[in-house]
């Protein structure tokens, strides 16, 4: 599954439990990192992926009453998400 597919799934908010949503969020992060490793993405693509990931993480955190979340972007290029329950 690619990053866009997984982010689309998170945007639909179709998950019944926090565990299900977090599993898809983790897969999305993995897919994003895989895409960033395999290609030389342009700045716009990186911005798009990080924004969509942020929006998805916010929806998960809000829907399942998390205390908060954070996203890290680092170099070498990669992203990570954590949710504080």
Protein backbone atom coordinates (compact mmCIF):
# COMPACT_ATOMS: atom_id res chain seq x y z
CA UNK A 1 0.00 0.00 0.00
CA UNK A 2 1.27 3.43 -0.81
CA UNK A 3 1.25 6.55 1.35
CA UNK A 4 -1.59 8.24 -0.52
CA UNK A 5 -3.88 5.21 -0.15
CA UNK A 6 -3.21 4.95 3.60
CA UNK A 7 -3.64 8.68 4.18
CA UNK A 8 -6.91 8.56 2.24
CA UNK A 9 -8.07 5.75 4.52
CA UNK A 10 -7.21 7.79 7.62
CA UNK A 11 -9.03 10.82 6.24
CA UNK A 12 -12.21 8.76 5.92
CA UNK A 13 -12.09 8.07 9.68
CA UNK A 14 -13.44 4.56 9.17
CA UNK A 15 -11.71 2.99 12.18
CA UNK A 16 -13.63 1.77 15.20
CA UNK A 17 -10.77 1.61 17.69
CA UNK A 18 -7.68 3.62 18.47
CA UNK A 19 -5.59 0.51 17.83
CA UNK A 20 -6.95 0.15 14.29
CA UNK A 21 -6.35 3.82 13.54
CA UNK A 22 -2.84 3.75 15.03
CA UNK A 23 -1.96 0.68 12.95
CA UNK A 24 -2.93 2.50 9.75
CA UNK A 25 -1.11 5.63 10.94
CA UNK A 26 2.04 3.57 11.54
CA UNK A 27 1.73 1.99 8.08
CA UNK A 28 1.30 5.45 6.55
CA UNK A 29 4.49 6.68 8.26
CA UNK A 30 6.33 3.59 7.00
CA UNK A 31 5.03 4.14 3.46
CA UNK A 32 6.02 7.81 3.53
CA UNK A 33 9.52 6.98 4.72
CA UNK A 34 9.84 4.26 2.08
CA UNK A 35 8.78 6.74 -0.61
CA UNK A 36 11.23 9.34 0.63
CA UNK A 37 14.04 6.75 0.66
CA UNK A 38 13.35 5.45 -2.84
CA UNK A 39 12.87 8.69 -4.69
CA UNK A 40 14.18 12.19 -4.65
CA UNK A 41 10.89 13.89 -3.78
CA UNK A 42 10.54 17.54 -4.47
CA UNK A 43 9.82 20.04 -1.74
CA UNK A 44 6.15 20.25 -2.68
CA UNK A 45 5.68 16.47 -2.35
CA UNK A 46 7.34 16.44 1.07
CA UNK A 47 5.15 19.34 2.19
CA UNK A 48 2.02 17.55 0.90
CA UNK A 49 2.86 14.28 2.67
CA UNK A 50 3.69 15.97 5.98
CA UNK A 51 0.53 18.09 5.87
CA UNK A 52 -1.67 15.08 5.12
CA UNK A 53 0.06 13.09 7.85
CA UNK A 54 -0.52 15.96 10.29
CA UNK A 55 -4.21 16.14 9.37
CA UNK A 56 -4.58 12.37 9.74
CA UNK A 57 -2.81 12.30 13.11
CA UNK A 58 -5.01 15.16 14.33
CA UNK A 59 -8.17 13.26 13.32
CA UNK A 60 -6.99 10.11 15.11
CA UNK A 61 -6.03 12.06 18.23
CA UNK A 62 -9.33 13.95 18.28
CA UNK A 63 -11.54 10.95 17.55
CA UNK A 64 -9.99 8.79 20.27
CA UNK A 65 -9.44 11.55 22.86
CA UNK A 66 -5.65 11.52 22.90
CA UNK A 67 -3.92 14.24 24.90
CA UNK A 68 -1.93 15.24 21.85
CA UNK A 69 0.39 14.17 19.08
CA UNK A 70 3.62 15.23 17.46
CA UNK A 71 5.27 14.78 14.10
CA UNK A 72 9.02 14.90 13.58
CA UNK A 73 10.76 15.45 10.27
CA UNK A 74 14.48 14.91 10.18
CA UNK A 75 17.48 14.45 7.98
CA UNK A 76 18.39 12.09 6.55
CA UNK A 77 14.90 12.59 5.31
CA UNK A 78 12.28 10.75 7.34
CA UNK A 79 9.18 11.32 9.43
CA UNK A 80 7.82 9.96 12.71
CA UNK A 81 4.53 10.37 14.58
CA UNK A 82 3.79 9.89 18.25
CA UNK A 83 0.43 10.10 19.98
CA UNK A 84 0.20 10.84 23.69
CA UNK A 85 -2.65 8.99 25.38
